[in-house]
PDB file of N, CA and C in Angstrom:
ATOM      1  N   MET A   1    -132.147-174.820 160.335  1.00  0.00           N
ATOM      2  CA  MET A   1    -132.156-175.251 158.958  1.00  0.00           C
ATOM      3  C   MET A   1    -130.758-175.679 158.521  1.00  0.00           C
ATOM      4  N   GLY A   2    -129.749-175.493 159.341  1.00  0.00           N
ATOM      5  CA  GLY A   2    -128.399-175.866 158.953  1.00  0.00           C
ATOM      6  C   GLY A   2    -127.483-174.660 158.965  1.00  0.00           C
ATOM      7  N   ARG A   3    -126.297-174.874 158.493  1.00  0.00           N
ATOM      8  CA  ARG A   3    -125.324-173.783 158.478  1.00  0.00           C
ATOM      9  C   ARG A   3    -125.551-172.904 157.245  1.00  0.00           C
ATOM     10  N   HIS A   4    -125.238-171.635 157.431  1.00  0.00           N
ATOM     11  CA  HIS A   4    -125.349-170.694 156.324  1.00  0.00           C
ATOM     12  C   HIS A   4    -124.022-170.645 155.582  1.00  0.00           C
ATOM     13  N   PHE A   5    -124.008-169.948 154.458  1.00  0.00           N
ATOM     14  CA  PHE A   5    -122.831-169.979 153.600  1.00  0.00           C
ATOM     15  C   PHE A   5    -121.575-169.484 154.320  1.00  0.00           C
ATOM     16  N   GLY A   6    -121.682-168.431 155.090  1.00  0.00           N
ATOM     17  CA  GLY A   6    -120.526-167.884 155.774  1.00  0.00           C
ATOM     18  C   GLY A   6    -120.043-168.734 156.926  1.00  0.00           C
ATOM     19  N   ASP A   7    -120.871-169.635 157.437  1.00  0.00           N
ATOM     20  CA  ASP A   7    -120.518-170.432 158.603  1.00  0.00           C
ATOM     21  C   ASP A   7    -120.392-171.913 158.243  1.00  0.00           C
ATOM     22  N   LEU A   8    -119.737-172.229 157.152  1.00  0.00           N
ATOM     23  CA  LEU A   8    -119.643-173.619 156.734  1.00  0.00           C
ATOM     24  C   LEU A   8    -118.718-174.432 157.627  1.00  0.00           C
ATOM     25  N   ALA A   9    -117.650-173.829 158.131  1.00  0.00           N
ATOM     26  CA  ALA A   9    -116.710-174.573 158.968  1.00  0.00           C
ATOM     27  C   ALA A   9    -116.141-173.636 160.006  1.00  0.00           C
ATOM     28  N   LYS A  10    -115.769-174.194 161.125  1.00  0.00           N
ATOM     29  CA  LYS A  10    -115.106-173.424 162.162  1.00  0.00           C
ATOM     30  C   LYS A  10    -113.613-173.651 162.032  1.00  0.00           C
ATOM     31  N   VAL A  11    -112.874-172.605 161.813  1.00  0.00           N
ATOM     32  CA  VAL A  11    -111.431-172.696 161.676  1.00  0.00           C
ATOM     33  C   VAL A  11    -110.824-172.126 162.945  1.00  0.00           C
ATOM     34  N   ARG A  12    -110.011-172.933 163.592  1.00  0.00           N
ATOM     35  CA  ARG A  12    -109.411-172.502 164.855  1.00  0.00           C
ATOM     36  C   ARG A  12    -107.894-172.549 164.747  1.00  0.00           C
ATOM     37  N   HIS A  13    -107.243-171.779 165.566  1.00  0.00           N
ATOM     38  CA  HIS A  13    -105.793-171.755 165.709  1.00  0.00           C
ATOM     39  C   HIS A  13    -105.078-171.275 164.441  1.00  0.00           C
ATOM     40  N   ILE A  14    -105.728-170.467 163.640  1.00  0.00           N
ATOM     41  CA  ILE A  14    -105.082-169.858 162.481  1.00  0.00           C
ATOM     42  C   ILE A  14    -105.166-168.351 162.662  1.00  0.00           C
ATOM     43  N   ILE A  15    -104.009-167.718 162.621  1.00  0.00           N
ATOM     44  CA  ILE A  15    -103.935-166.281 162.817  1.00  0.00           C
ATOM     45  C   ILE A  15    -103.457-165.660 161.515  1.00  0.00           C
ATOM     46  N   SER A  16    -104.140-164.639 161.051  1.00  0.00           N
ATOM     47  CA  SER A  16    -103.712-163.943 159.838  1.00  0.00           C
ATOM     48  C   SER A  16    -103.566-162.465 160.154  1.00  0.00           C
ATOM     49  N   TYR A  17    -102.553-161.883 159.561  1.00  0.00           N
ATOM     50  CA  TYR A  17    -102.272-160.474 159.750  1.00  0.00           C
ATOM     51  C   TYR A  17    -102.371-159.778 158.402  1.00  0.00           C
ATOM     52  N   SER A  18    -102.786-158.555 158.415  1.00  0.00           N
ATOM     53  CA  SER A  18    -102.826-157.773 157.191  1.00  0.00           C
ATOM     54  C   SER A  18    -102.543-156.320 157.523  1.00  0.00           C
ATOM     55  N   LEU A  19    -102.075-155.611 156.530  1.00  0.00           N
ATOM     56  CA  LEU A  19    -101.758-154.203 156.683  1.00  0.00           C
ATOM     57  C   LEU A  19    -102.663-153.423 155.742  1.00  0.00           C
ATOM     58  N   SER A  20    -103.184-152.368 156.236  1.00  0.00           N
ATOM     59  CA  SER A  20    -104.084-151.549 155.441  1.00  0.00           C
ATOM     60  C   SER A  20    -103.344-150.956 154.249  1.00  0.00           C
ATOM     61  N   PRO A  21    -103.953-150.932 153.056  1.00  0.00           N
ATOM     62  CA  PRO A  21    -103.283-150.334 151.906  1.00  0.00           C
ATOM     63  C   PRO A  21    -103.061-148.838 152.076  1.00  0.00           C
ATOM     64  N   PHE A  22    -103.779-148.224 152.993  1.00  0.00           N
ATOM     65  CA  PHE A  22    -103.595-146.795 153.234  1.00  0.00           C
ATOM     66  C   PHE A  22    -102.339-146.525 154.049  1.00  0.00           C
ATOM     67  N   GLU A  23    -101.779-147.559 154.675  1.00  0.00           N
ATOM     68  CA  GLU A  23    -100.568-147.387 155.470  1.00  0.00           C
ATOM     69  C   GLU A  23     -99.329-147.865 154.723  1.00  0.00           C
ATOM     70  N   GLN A  24     -99.471-148.366 153.508  1.00  0.00           N
ATOM     71  CA  GLN A  24     -98.334-148.808 152.731  1.00  0.00           C
ATOM     72  C   GLN A  24     -97.901-147.688 151.796  1.00  0.00           C
ATOM     73  N   ARG A  25     -96.610-147.650 151.538  1.00  0.00           N
ATOM     74  CA  ARG A  25     -96.122-146.671 150.570  1.00  0.00           C
ATOM     75  C   ARG A  25     -96.142-147.326 149.192  1.00  0.00           C
ATOM     76  N   ALA A  26     -96.568-146.590 148.201  1.00  0.00           N
ATOM     77  CA  ALA A  26     -96.730-147.164 146.866  1.00  0.00           C
ATOM     78  C   ALA A  26     -95.382-147.498 146.224  1.00  0.00           C
ATOM     79  N   PHE A  27     -94.419-146.608 146.297  1.00  0.00           N
ATOM     80  CA  PHE A  27     -93.113-146.822 145.668  1.00  0.00           C
ATOM     81  C   PHE A  27     -91.995-146.548 146.661  1.00  0.00           C
ATOM     82  N   PRO A  28     -91.811-147.409 147.649  1.00  0.00           N
ATOM     83  CA  PRO A  28     -90.724-147.158 148.606  1.00  0.00           C
ATOM     84  C   PRO A  28     -89.371-147.464 147.974  1.00  0.00           C
ATOM     85  N   HIS A  29     -88.429-146.564 148.136  1.00  0.00           N
ATOM     86  CA  HIS A  29     -87.054-146.717 147.649  1.00  0.00           C
ATOM     87  C   HIS A  29     -87.012-147.000 146.148  1.00  0.00           C
ATOM     88  N   TYR A  30     -87.905-146.417 145.397  1.00  0.00           N
ATOM     89  CA  TYR A  30     -87.986-146.694 143.956  1.00  0.00           C
ATOM     90  C   TYR A  30     -86.724-146.237 143.241  1.00  0.00           C
ATOM     91  N   PHE A  31     -86.282-145.019 143.495  1.00  0.00           N
ATOM     92  CA  PHE A  31     -85.118-144.488 142.785  1.00  0.00           C
ATOM     93  C   PHE A  31     -83.808-144.903 143.445  1.00  0.00           C
ATOM     94  N   SER A  32     -83.780-145.018 144.765  1.00  0.00           N
ATOM     95  CA  SER A  32     -82.517-145.299 145.437  1.00  0.00           C
ATOM     96  C   SER A  32     -82.125-146.768 145.353  1.00  0.00           C
ATOM     97  N   LYS A  33     -83.089-147.680 145.383  1.00  0.00           N
ATOM     98  CA  LYS A  33     -82.765-149.105 145.345  1.00  0.00           C
ATOM     99  C   LYS A  33     -83.330-149.814 144.120  1.00  0.00           C
ATOM    100  N   GLY A  34     -84.433-149.348 143.581  1.00  0.00           N
ATOM    101  CA  GLY A  34     -85.100-150.041 142.481  1.00  0.00           C
ATOM    102  C   GLY A  34     -84.345-149.994 141.175  1.00  0.00           C
ATOM    103  N   ILE A  35     -83.959-148.803 140.742  1.00  0.00           N
ATOM    104  CA  ILE A  35     -83.272-148.664 139.457  1.00  0.00           C
ATOM    105  C   ILE A  35     -81.893-149.309 139.484  1.00  0.00           C
ATOM    106  N   PRO A  36     -81.082-149.127 140.542  1.00  0.00           N
ATOM    107  CA  PRO A  36     -79.810-149.862 140.565  1.00  0.00           C
ATOM    108  C   PRO A  36     -79.996-151.385 140.575  1.00  0.00           C
ATOM    109  N   ASN A  37     -81.044-151.861 141.210  1.00  0.00           N
ATOM    110  CA  ASN A  37     -81.306-153.297 141.217  1.00  0.00           C
ATOM    111  C   ASN A  37     -81.677-153.790 139.819  1.00  0.00           C
ATOM    112  N   VAL A  38     -82.450-153.010 139.087  1.00  0.00           N
ATOM    113  CA  VAL A  38     -82.800-153.382 137.708  1.00  0.00           C
ATOM    114  C   VAL A  38     -81.543-153.416 136.848  1.00  0.00           C
ATOM    115  N   TRP A  39     -80.658-152.440 137.022  1.00  0.00           N
ATOM    116  CA  TRP A  39     -79.422-152.407 136.245  1.00  0.00           C
ATOM    117  C   TRP A  39     -78.545-153.607 136.583  1.00  0.00           C
ATOM    118  N   ARG A  40     -78.446-153.964 137.858  1.00  0.00           N
ATOM    119  CA  ARG A  40     -77.643-155.109 138.271  1.00  0.00           C
ATOM    120  C   ARG A  40     -78.203-156.397 137.694  1.00  0.00           C
ATOM    121  N   ARG A  41     -79.503-156.568 137.737  1.00  0.00           N
ATOM    122  CA  ARG A  41     -80.119-157.775 137.202  1.00  0.00           C
ATOM    123  C   ARG A  41     -79.990-157.836 135.682  1.00  0.00           C
ATOM    124  N   PHE A  42     -80.088-156.684 135.021  1.00  0.00           N
ATOM    125  CA  PHE A  42     -79.922-156.636 133.565  1.00  0.00           C
ATOM    126  C   PHE A  42     -78.511-157.057 133.178  1.00  0.00           C
ATOM    127  N   ARG A  43     -77.493-156.510 133.872  1.00  0.00           N
ATOM    128  CA  ARG A  43     -76.116-156.872 133.566  1.00  0.00           C
ATOM    129  C   ARG A  43     -75.859-158.355 133.810  1.00  0.00           C
ATOM    130  N   GLY A  44     -76.515-158.925 134.802  1.00  0.00           N
ATOM    131  CA  GLY A  44     -76.307-160.332 135.105  1.00  0.00           C
ATOM    132  C   GLY A  44     -76.939-161.275 134.091  1.00  0.00           C
ATOM    133  N   GLN A  45     -77.963-160.829 133.399  1.00  0.00           N
ATOM    134  CA  GLN A  45     -78.694-161.712 132.494  1.00  0.00           C
ATOM    135  C   GLN A  45     -78.484-161.407 131.016  1.00  0.00           C
ATOM    136  N   VAL A  46     -77.912-160.262 130.690  1.00  0.00           N
ATOM    137  CA  VAL A  46     -77.843-159.856 129.284  1.00  0.00           C
ATOM    138  C   VAL A  46     -76.987-160.821 128.467  1.00  0.00           C
ATOM    139  N   PHE A  47     -75.912-161.360 129.026  1.00  0.00           N
ATOM    140  CA  PHE A  47     -75.056-162.257 128.263  1.00  0.00           C
ATOM    141  C   PHE A  47     -75.625-163.669 128.173  1.00  0.00           C
ATOM    142  N   LYS A  48     -76.678-163.939 128.905  1.00  0.00           N
ATOM    143  CA  LYS A  48     -77.364-165.224 128.783  1.00  0.00           C
ATOM    144  C   LYS A  48     -78.519-165.148 127.787  1.00  0.00           C
ATOM    145  N   VAL A  49     -79.076-163.970 127.613  1.00  0.00           N
ATOM    146  CA  VAL A  49     -80.278-163.814 126.791  1.00  0.00           C
ATOM    147  C   VAL A  49     -79.961-163.316 125.385  1.00  0.00           C
ATOM    148  N   VAL A  50     -79.063-162.361 125.254  1.00  0.00           N
ATOM    149  CA  VAL A  50     -78.824-161.705 123.973  1.00  0.00           C
ATOM    150  C   VAL A  50     -78.162-162.629 122.940  1.00  0.00           C
ATOM    151  N   PRO A  51     -77.142-163.433 123.271  1.00  0.00           N
ATOM    152  CA  PRO A  51     -76.512-164.251 122.222  1.00  0.00           C
ATOM    153  C   PRO A  51     -77.455-165.180 121.458  1.00  0.00           C
ATOM    154  N   PRO A  52     -78.410-165.875 122.115  1.00  0.00           N
ATOM    155  CA  PRO A  52     -79.335-166.676 121.304  1.00  0.00           C
ATOM    156  C   PRO A  52     -80.180-165.833 120.349  1.00  0.00           C
ATOM    157  N   PHE A  53     -80.575-164.635 120.773  1.00  0.00           N
ATOM    158  CA  PHE A  53     -81.351-163.775 119.893  1.00  0.00           C
ATOM    159  C   PHE A  53     -80.513-163.303 118.710  1.00  0.00           C
ATOM    160  N   VAL A  54     -79.261-162.942 118.961  1.00  0.00           N
ATOM    161  CA  VAL A  54     -78.389-162.493 117.877  1.00  0.00           C
ATOM    162  C   VAL A  54     -78.132-163.643 116.909  1.00  0.00           C
ATOM    163  N   LEU A  55     -77.847-164.817 117.431  1.00  0.00           N
ATOM    164  CA  LEU A  55     -77.616-165.980 116.579  1.00  0.00           C
ATOM    165  C   LEU A  55     -78.869-166.314 115.763  1.00  0.00           C
ATOM    166  N   SER A  56     -80.024-166.245 116.391  1.00  0.00           N
ATOM    167  CA  SER A  56     -81.276-166.505 115.669  1.00  0.00           C
ATOM    168  C   SER A  56     -81.493-165.489 114.557  1.00  0.00           C
ATOM    169  N   TYR A  57     -81.184-164.228 114.819  1.00  0.00           N
ATOM    170  CA  TYR A  57     -81.345-163.204 113.796  1.00  0.00           C
ATOM    171  C   TYR A  57     -80.395-163.440 112.629  1.00  0.00           C
ATOM    172  N   ILE A  58     -79.161-163.809 112.932  1.00  0.00           N
ATOM    173  CA  ILE A  58     -78.187-164.062 111.867  1.00  0.00           C
ATOM    174  C   ILE A  58     -78.626-165.244 111.007  1.00  0.00           C
ATOM    175  N   VAL A  59     -79.077-166.318 111.636  1.00  0.00           N
ATOM    176  CA  VAL A  59     -79.533-167.497 110.887  1.00  0.00           C
ATOM    177  C   VAL A  59     -80.764-167.158 110.065  1.00  0.00           C
ATOM    178  N   TYR A  60     -81.687-166.391 110.631  1.00  0.00           N
ATOM    179  CA  TYR A  60     -82.902-166.018 109.912  1.00  0.00           C
ATOM    180  C   TYR A  60     -82.577-165.151 108.694  1.00  0.00           C
ATOM    181  N   SER A  61     -81.719-164.140 108.897  1.00  0.00           N
ATOM    182  CA  SER A  61     -81.386-163.270 107.765  1.00  0.00           C
ATOM    183  C   SER A  61     -80.611-164.039 106.691  1.00  0.00           C
ATOM    184  N   TRP A  62     -79.727-164.959 107.088  1.00  0.00           N
ATOM    185  CA  TRP A  62     -79.016-165.783 106.116  1.00  0.00           C
ATOM    186  C   TRP A  62     -79.998-166.660 105.342  1.00  0.00           C
ATOM    187  N   GLY A  63     -80.941-167.281 106.023  1.00  0.00           N
ATOM    188  CA  GLY A  63     -81.933-168.131 105.372  1.00  0.00           C
ATOM    189  C   GLY A  63     -82.813-167.352 104.416  1.00  0.00           C
ATOM    190  N   THR A  64     -83.195-166.158 104.799  1.00  0.00           N
ATOM    191  CA  THR A  64     -84.002-165.314 103.925  1.00  0.00           C
ATOM    192  C   THR A  64     -83.230-164.932 102.672  1.00  0.00           C
ATOM    193  N   GLN A  65     -81.950-164.600 102.832  1.00  0.00           N
ATOM    194  CA  GLN A  65     -81.111-164.233 101.681  1.00  0.00           C
ATOM    195  C   GLN A  65     -80.929-165.416 100.739  1.00  0.00           C
ATOM    196  N   VAL A  66     -80.657-166.596 101.277  1.00  0.00           N
ATOM    197  CA  VAL A  66     -80.473-167.790 100.440  1.00  0.00           C
ATOM    198  C   VAL A  66     -81.772-168.133  99.721  1.00  0.00           C
ATOM    199  N   HIS A  67     -82.899-168.009 100.412  1.00  0.00           N
ATOM    200  CA  HIS A  67     -84.187-168.308  99.788  1.00  0.00           C
ATOM    201  C   HIS A  67     -84.462-167.359  98.630  1.00  0.00           C
ATOM    202  N   SER A  68     -84.204-166.072  98.833  1.00  0.00           N
ATOM    203  CA  SER A  68     -84.458-165.122  97.736  1.00  0.00           C
ATOM    204  C   SER A  68     -83.496-165.352  96.574  1.00  0.00           C
ATOM    205  N   ASP A  69     -82.256-165.767  96.869  1.00  0.00           N
ATOM    206  CA  ASP A  69     -81.319-166.076  95.784  1.00  0.00           C
ATOM    207  C   ASP A  69     -81.749-167.320  95.011  1.00  0.00           C
ATOM    208  N   LEU A  70     -82.277-168.312  95.680  1.00  0.00           N
ATOM    209  CA  LEU A  70     -82.693-169.540  95.008  1.00  0.00           C
ATOM    210  C   LEU A  70     -83.974-169.358  94.201  1.00  0.00           C
ATOM    211  N   LYS A  71     -84.771-168.359  94.534  1.00  0.00           N
ATOM    212  CA  LYS A  71     -85.992-168.099  93.778  1.00  0.00           C
ATOM    213  C   LYS A  71     -85.718-167.443  92.435  1.00  0.00           C
ATOM    214  N   LYS A  72     -84.565-166.798  92.281  1.00  0.00           N
ATOM    215  CA  LYS A  72     -84.241-166.094  91.042  1.00  0.00           C
ATOM    216  C   LYS A  72     -83.904-167.101  89.945  1.00  0.00           C
ATOM    217  N   LYS A  73     -84.230-166.717  88.745  1.00  0.00           N
ATOM    218  CA  LYS A  73     -83.896-167.567  87.605  1.00  0.00           C
ATOM    219  C   LYS A  73     -82.430-167.354  87.233  1.00  0.00           C
ATOM    220  N   ASP A  74     -81.787-168.415  86.757  1.00  0.00           N
ATOM    221  CA  ASP A  74     -80.417-168.315  86.261  1.00  0.00           C
ATOM    222  C   ASP A  74     -80.486-167.844  84.811  1.00  0.00           C
ATOM    223  N   LEU A  75     -80.063-166.624  84.547  1.00  0.00           N
ATOM    224  CA  LEU A  75     -80.192-166.040  83.210  1.00  0.00           C
ATOM    225  C   LEU A  75     -79.273-166.702  82.194  1.00  0.00           C
ATOM    226  N   SER A  76     -78.228-167.370  82.630  1.00  0.00           N
ATOM    227  CA  SER A  76     -77.326-168.033  81.676  1.00  0.00           C
ATOM    228  C   SER A  76     -78.013-169.212  80.990  1.00  0.00           C
ATOM    229  N   LEU A  77     -79.050-169.760  81.578  1.00  0.00           N
ATOM    230  CA  LEU A  77     -79.778-170.856  80.948  1.00  0.00           C
ATOM    231  C   LEU A  77     -80.650-170.383  79.793  1.00  0.00           C
ATOM    232  N   TYR A  78     -80.963-169.096  79.761  1.00  0.00           N
ATOM    233  CA  TYR A  78     -81.894-168.564  78.763  1.00  0.00           C
ATOM    234  C   TYR A  78     -81.211-167.623  77.764  1.00  0.00           C
ATOM    235  N   GLU A  79     -79.890-167.646  77.640  1.00  0.00           N
ATOM    236  CA  GLU A  79     -79.179-166.724  76.744  1.00  0.00           C
ATOM    237  C   GLU A  79     -79.481-167.003  75.281  1.00  0.00           C
ATOM    238  N   ASN A  80     -79.602-168.256  74.901  1.00  0.00           N
ATOM    239  CA  ASN A  80     -79.756-168.603  73.494  1.00  0.00           C
ATOM    240  C   ASN A  80     -81.217-168.725  73.051  1.00  0.00           C
ATOM    241  N   ASP A  81     -82.149-168.387  73.922  1.00  0.00           N
ATOM    242  CA  ASP A  81     -83.564-168.448  73.534  1.00  0.00           C
ATOM    243  C   ASP A  81     -83.881-167.313  72.557  1.00  0.00           C
ATOM    244  N   GLN A  82     -84.812-167.607  71.672  1.00  0.00           N
ATOM    245  CA  GLN A  82     -85.210-166.595  70.693  1.00  0.00           C
ATOM    246  C   GLN A  82     -86.645-166.193  70.870  1.00  0.00           C
TER     247      GLN A  82
END
């Protein structure tokens, strides 16, 4: 009747290797190499990432302050009203 789903094509000359998950360690060298590596990568990137965030925060807070100041009424315009 034809080929079945599992036998759609013959693949030759391809070798694949795999390791059982039961033979792998879940957290190898986690404390001895992992945490120092995270610290090294953090130190290398912090001066590239933090300044734009700080600048954005300063601009945002300045804009918010100016907006709230501009929303207020100037009381000197209404001194002589009765």
